[in-house]
Amino acid sequence: MKFYKMHGIGNDYIYFDCMNGELANPEQLSIKLSDRHFGIGGDGIILLCPSDKADCKMRMFNADGSEGKMCGNGIRCVGKLAHDLGYVKNDTCTVETLSGIKKLEFTLGGDGKVESVKVDMGGAILNCAQIPSLIKGEKVVNYPLEVSDKTYGVTLVSMGNPHCVVFEDPDTIDVEGVGKLFENHKVFPDRVNTEFIKVVGKNEIKMRVWERGSGETFACGTGACASAVACVLNGYCAKGEEITVHLLGGDLKIVYTDKTVYMTGPATLVFTGDIEI
C-alpha cells in the first residue's frame, strides 16, 4: 500500500489515502509502522477517509495504537493531502474528526500545492468534566496539583483532546519523567497531554510537550492552542491577538477569540513509498 510521510513542524505521521477503501486494523498497524528502527517511523498513522458530513474525514492513531480525537498538526497535513491529491479543488475544505468538523484555509505555493494551513479549531473547552478531569470546579486556572513530591500550578484546556498546561521552563524540566507522571495522574481518567511552557516575549511563548500515547514530540498543534489559551487565562497574553508558539520543530501562530481558536502553520510532504501490509 502507498503511504505518505508528512510532518507539521516535526510532528510526523504516516498517512494513508483511504478515500476508496478501508485500512484493516489501523491500531496494530500504527504500533508496527511508527517504530523508528523496525518500521517507517513516526508519531503514529493518520488516515484520509471519505465523509458524508464534510469534504473528508481524518482518523488518527498514536504510536501506542490508541485512537486520538484530534491532531492539530495532523489535520493540516490531511488538508494538504486531500487538496494535492485532487479530492478538494478549492483553497478551503472541511474535515470531519472525532471532535467535530473543522474548517481549513490553504495558502498555496507556486506549484499549486498547499504550503500552510489555517485551521478553525473550534472553541476552547474549559469545563472540568468535559476535559475530562476529576478536579472539582467549573474551570481550572493555575490550580495547585500535587504530582509525585512537587506541586505545580496547572491550567486545563481541551481542544478536542485533554491538555494540562504547566508554567515550567521547558529547557530545564525533565519532560519525559514529569510528563509520564502527568499523563497517568489519577485526576485524568482518559490520561492527558502535558505542555511545559515559558513566556519569552509579548504574545510569544516557548513550549515542549509530552503527548499521551506518543511521548515527547517535536510539536503538538492542539497543545499549542491550549498553551495560548492558558496564557490568556493567566494574564500573560492578550485575547484576539496573534500568539507565536515556539516548539522544537518550528513555530505556530495561534489566535484565541471568544468564539474559536485559530491555528496557522506549515504542512510538509517528506516522501512517499510503498509497504506490504
Protein backbone atom coordinates (compact mmCIF):
# COMPACT_ATOMS: atom_id res chain seq x y z
CA MET A 1 0.00 0.00 0.00
CA LYS A 2 1.21 3.51 -0.76
CA PHE A 3 1.95 5.79 2.16
CA TYR A 4 2.83 9.46 2.56
CA LYS A 5 5.33 10.53 5.21
CA MET A 6 4.33 14.06 6.24
CA HIS A 7 5.00 16.43 9.11
CA GLY A 8 3.75 19.64 10.64
CA ILE A 9 6.84 21.34 12.13
CA GLY A 10 8.37 17.99 13.02
CA ASN A 11 5.21 16.27 14.30
CA ASP A 12 5.49 13.42 11.79
CA TYR A 13 2.88 10.83 10.86
CA ILE A 14 2.44 8.14 8.24
CA TYR A 15 -0.57 8.96 6.06
CA PHE A 16 -2.73 6.59 4.05
CA ASP A 17 -5.23 7.53 1.35
CA CYS A 18 -8.35 5.56 2.32
CA MET A 19 -10.82 7.57 0.25
CA ASN A 20 -11.52 4.49 -1.90
CA GLY A 21 -11.04 1.70 0.60
CA GLU A 22 -10.65 0.98 4.31
CA LEU A 23 -7.41 0.03 6.06
CA ALA A 24 -7.72 -3.07 8.23
CA ASN A 25 -6.59 -2.96 11.87
CA PRO A 26 -5.07 0.55 11.95
CA GLU A 27 -4.40 0.23 15.69
CA GLN A 28 -1.85 -2.57 15.28
CA LEU A 29 -0.54 -1.05 12.08
CA SER A 30 0.26 2.19 13.90
CA ILE A 31 2.27 0.34 16.54
CA LYS A 32 4.21 -1.56 13.88
CA LEU A 33 4.91 1.25 11.43
CA SER A 34 5.64 4.01 13.97
CA ASP A 35 8.71 2.19 15.24
CA ARG A 36 11.71 4.21 14.09
CA HIS A 37 14.02 1.19 13.90
CA PHE A 38 11.80 -1.60 12.57
CA GLY A 39 9.10 0.42 10.82
CA ILE A 40 8.77 3.60 8.79
CA GLY A 41 9.00 5.80 11.88
CA GLY A 42 6.53 8.42 13.07
CA ASP A 43 4.36 9.66 15.91
CA GLY A 44 1.54 7.45 14.60
CA ILE A 45 -0.57 6.96 11.48
CA ILE A 46 -3.34 9.12 10.03
CA LEU A 47 -6.00 8.01 7.56
CA LEU A 48 -7.63 10.24 4.93
CA CYS A 49 -11.15 8.84 4.68
CA PRO A 50 -14.44 9.71 2.96
CA SER A 51 -17.13 11.59 4.90
CA ASP A 52 -20.83 12.20 4.41
CA LYS A 53 -20.61 15.31 6.60
CA ALA A 54 -17.51 17.10 5.27
CA ASP A 55 -15.07 17.08 2.34
CA CYS A 56 -13.11 14.29 4.05
CA LYS A 57 -12.57 12.59 7.38
CA MET A 58 -9.44 12.18 9.49
CA ARG A 59 -8.69 9.19 11.71
CA MET A 60 -5.57 9.46 13.83
CA PHE A 61 -3.77 6.71 15.80
CA ASN A 62 -0.96 7.28 18.27
CA ALA A 63 2.24 5.25 18.28
CA ASP A 64 0.77 3.01 21.00
CA GLY A 65 -2.27 2.19 18.84
CA SER A 66 -4.76 4.34 20.72
CA GLU A 67 -7.07 6.47 18.58
CA GLY A 68 -6.96 10.23 19.12
CA LYS A 69 -9.91 12.54 18.69
CA MET A 70 -7.93 15.41 17.20
CA CYS A 71 -4.45 16.34 15.96
CA GLY A 72 -3.67 19.94 15.06
CA ASN A 73 -0.52 19.27 13.04
CA GLY A 74 -2.10 16.18 11.51
CA ILE A 75 -5.22 17.93 10.27
CA ARG A 76 -3.13 20.47 8.35
CA CYS A 77 -1.38 17.60 6.56
CA VAL A 78 -4.72 15.88 5.92
CA GLY A 79 -5.94 19.07 4.27
CA LYS A 80 -2.79 19.27 2.14
CA LEU A 81 -3.10 15.62 1.12
CA ALA A 82 -6.78 15.98 0.20
CA HIS A 83 -6.03 19.09 -1.87
CA ASP A 84 -2.84 17.90 -3.56
CA LEU A 85 -4.38 14.53 -4.49
CA GLY A 86 -7.30 16.34 -6.10
CA TYR A 87 -10.09 15.40 -3.69
CA VAL A 88 -10.53 19.07 -2.79
CA LYS A 89 -10.48 21.63 -5.62
CA ASN A 90 -10.79 24.87 -3.63
CA ASP A 91 -8.50 26.74 -1.27
CA THR A 92 -10.76 25.78 1.64
CA CYS A 93 -12.10 22.47 2.91
CA THR A 94 -13.86 20.84 5.84
CA VAL A 95 -12.53 17.83 7.73
CA GLU A 96 -14.58 15.54 9.96
CA THR A 97 -12.84 14.46 13.18
CA LEU A 98 -13.94 12.73 16.36
CA SER A 99 -14.02 16.19 17.97
CA GLY A 100 -16.22 17.74 15.27
CA ILE A 101 -15.90 19.26 11.81
CA LYS A 102 -13.00 21.68 11.33
CA LYS A 103 -12.68 24.35 8.65
CA LEU A 104 -9.36 24.79 6.84
CA GLU A 105 -7.95 27.58 4.65
CA PHE A 106 -4.98 26.88 2.38
CA THR A 107 -2.05 29.01 1.31
CA LEU A 108 -0.71 27.64 -1.97
CA GLY A 109 2.82 27.71 -3.35
CA GLY A 110 3.88 28.48 -6.89
CA ASP A 111 3.37 24.82 -7.85
CA GLY A 112 -0.28 25.00 -6.80
CA LYS A 113 0.25 22.73 -3.80
CA VAL A 114 -0.54 23.56 -0.19
CA GLU A 115 2.27 25.13 1.84
CA SER A 116 0.49 26.28 5.00
CA VAL A 117 -2.93 25.88 6.53
CA LYS A 118 -5.11 27.97 8.82
CA VAL A 119 -7.46 25.83 10.91
CA ASP A 120 -10.57 26.93 12.78
CA MET A 121 -10.07 24.63 15.75
CA GLY A 122 -13.38 25.48 17.44
CA GLY A 123 -13.92 26.87 20.90
CA ALA A 124 -11.65 26.01 23.81
CA ILE A 125 -13.32 23.74 26.37
CA LEU A 126 -12.61 24.78 29.95
CA ASN A 127 -15.23 22.78 31.85
CA CYS A 128 -13.56 20.18 34.08
CA ALA A 129 -15.99 17.37 33.39
CA GLN A 130 -15.70 17.84 29.63
CA ILE A 131 -11.88 17.86 29.54
CA PRO A 132 -12.22 15.33 31.36
CA SER A 133 -10.75 15.84 34.82
CA LEU A 134 -11.81 14.75 38.28
CA ILE A 135 -10.77 18.13 39.74
CA LYS A 136 -13.85 19.86 41.11
CA GLY A 137 -14.85 23.22 39.66
CA GLU A 138 -16.16 24.85 36.53
CA LYS A 139 -12.72 25.94 35.32
CA VAL A 140 -9.13 25.13 36.33
CA VAL A 141 -6.68 28.04 36.06
CA ASN A 142 -3.34 27.93 37.91
CA TYR A 143 -4.68 25.14 40.14
CA PRO A 144 -2.18 23.62 42.61
CA LEU A 145 -1.84 19.98 41.58
CA GLU A 146 0.42 17.64 43.52
CA VAL A 147 2.43 15.39 41.20
CA SER A 148 4.74 12.97 42.97
CA ASP A 149 6.60 15.14 45.51
CA LYS A 150 6.00 18.56 43.92
CA THR A 151 3.05 20.91 43.48
CA TYR A 152 2.53 22.52 40.07
CA GLY A 153 0.17 25.31 39.03
CA VAL A 154 -1.85 23.82 36.17
CA THR A 155 -4.40 25.16 33.71
CA LEU A 156 -6.68 22.67 31.96
CA VAL A 157 -7.94 23.11 28.40
CA SER A 158 -9.50 20.73 25.90
CA MET A 159 -9.13 21.33 22.18
CA GLY A 160 -10.91 18.09 21.32
CA ASN A 161 -8.39 16.23 23.46
CA PRO A 162 -7.29 16.98 27.04
CA HIS A 163 -4.35 19.26 27.84
CA CYS A 164 -2.67 20.22 31.09
CA VAL A 165 -0.57 23.38 30.72
CA VAL A 166 2.23 23.89 33.23
CA PHE A 167 4.26 27.10 33.51
CA GLU A 168 7.65 25.45 33.96
CA ASP A 169 10.80 26.22 31.98
CA PRO A 170 10.83 23.70 29.09
CA ASP A 171 14.63 23.95 28.85
CA THR A 172 15.25 22.64 32.34
CA ILE A 173 12.36 20.35 33.27
CA ASP A 174 12.54 16.57 32.83
CA VAL A 175 9.87 16.36 30.14
CA GLU A 176 9.81 12.57 29.98
CA GLY A 177 9.94 11.89 33.69
CA VAL A 178 7.43 14.54 34.73
CA GLY A 179 5.35 14.11 31.58
CA LYS A 180 4.67 10.45 32.34
CA LEU A 181 3.53 11.37 35.85
CA PHE A 182 1.06 13.92 34.48
CA GLU A 183 -0.14 11.61 31.71
CA ASN A 184 -1.12 8.89 34.17
CA HIS A 185 -2.23 11.09 37.09
CA LYS A 186 -5.38 9.87 38.82
CA VAL A 187 -7.29 13.13 38.16
CA PHE A 188 -7.20 12.46 34.38
CA PRO A 189 -9.40 9.43 33.64
CA ASP A 190 -8.52 9.47 29.92
CA ARG A 191 -4.86 10.42 30.53
CA VAL A 192 -3.67 13.85 29.46
CA ASN A 193 -1.27 15.70 27.17
CA THR A 194 1.07 17.99 29.12
CA GLU A 195 2.64 21.22 27.90
CA PHE A 196 5.58 22.81 29.70
CA ILE A 197 5.73 26.47 28.69
CA LYS A 198 7.56 29.71 29.33
CA VAL A 199 6.55 33.21 28.26
CA VAL A 200 9.56 34.67 26.41
CA GLY A 201 8.12 37.92 25.00
CA LYS A 202 4.96 39.84 24.22
CA ASN A 203 2.49 37.26 22.89
CA GLU A 204 5.38 34.83 22.48
CA ILE A 205 5.87 31.54 24.32
CA LYS A 206 8.20 28.55 24.25
CA MET A 207 6.78 25.06 24.64
CA ARG A 208 7.67 21.38 24.90
CA VAL A 209 5.03 18.69 25.05
CA TRP A 210 4.54 15.18 26.40
CA GLU A 211 1.71 13.56 24.44
CA ARG A 212 -0.33 10.70 25.84
CA GLY A 213 0.35 7.59 23.81
CA SER A 214 3.30 9.07 21.90
CA GLY A 215 5.72 10.61 24.40
CA GLU A 216 7.60 13.82 23.63
CA THR A 217 7.00 15.05 20.09
CA PHE A 218 8.57 17.89 18.13
CA ALA A 219 5.25 19.72 18.02
CA CYS A 220 1.60 19.48 19.04
CA GLY A 221 -0.97 21.71 17.35
CA THR A 222 -3.76 21.27 19.88
CA GLY A 223 -1.16 21.68 22.64
CA ALA A 224 0.00 24.98 21.15
CA CYS A 225 -3.63 26.14 21.08
CA ALA A 226 -4.17 25.05 24.69
CA SER A 227 -0.97 26.81 25.76
CA ALA A 228 -2.04 30.06 24.09
CA VAL A 229 -5.44 29.83 25.78
CA ALA A 230 -3.75 29.19 29.15
CA CYS A 231 -1.52 32.24 28.68
CA VAL A 232 -4.57 34.42 28.08
CA LEU A 233 -6.43 32.95 31.07
CA ASN A 234 -3.41 33.59 33.31
CA GLY A 235 -2.99 37.17 32.06
CA TYR A 236 0.28 36.72 30.14
CA CYS A 237 -1.09 37.29 26.63
CA ALA A 238 -3.99 39.17 25.06
CA LYS A 239 -7.16 37.59 23.70
CA GLY A 240 -7.75 38.24 19.99
CA GLU A 241 -4.07 38.87 19.25
CA GLU A 242 -1.70 36.54 17.41
CA ILE A 243 0.45 34.46 19.76
CA THR A 244 3.62 32.81 18.47
CA VAL A 245 4.36 29.40 19.97
CA HIS A 246 7.94 28.18 19.58
CA LEU A 247 8.17 24.37 19.55
CA LEU A 248 11.09 22.02 18.97
CA GLY A 249 10.11 21.63 15.30
CA GLY A 250 9.19 25.23 14.48
CA ASP A 251 6.57 27.91 15.12
CA LEU A 252 2.77 28.01 15.13
CA LYS A 253 0.60 31.12 15.13
CA ILE A 254 -2.42 30.99 17.44
CA VAL A 255 -5.32 33.43 17.89
CA TYR A 256 -7.75 32.83 20.77
CA THR A 257 -11.11 34.58 20.47
CA ASP A 258 -14.39 34.41 22.37
CA LYS A 259 -15.79 32.02 19.74
CA THR A 260 -12.89 29.90 18.50
CA VAL A 261 -9.16 29.27 18.30
CA TYR A 262 -7.29 29.71 15.01
CA MET A 263 -4.08 27.84 14.32
CA THR A 264 -1.79 28.55 11.35
CA GLY A 265 1.27 26.57 10.35
CA PRO A 266 3.02 24.64 7.57
CA ALA A 267 2.19 21.20 6.20
CA THR A 268 5.06 19.30 4.56
CA LEU A 269 5.32 16.15 2.46
CA VAL A 270 8.63 14.42 3.19
CA PHE A 271 8.45 11.40 0.89
CA THR A 272 6.11 8.72 -0.45
CA GLY A 273 6.65 4.97 -0.52
CA ASP A 274 5.06 1.54 -0.67
CA ILE A 275 4.87 -1.01 2.11
CA GLU A 276 3.50 -4.52 2.37
CA ILE A 277 0.71 -4.75 4.95
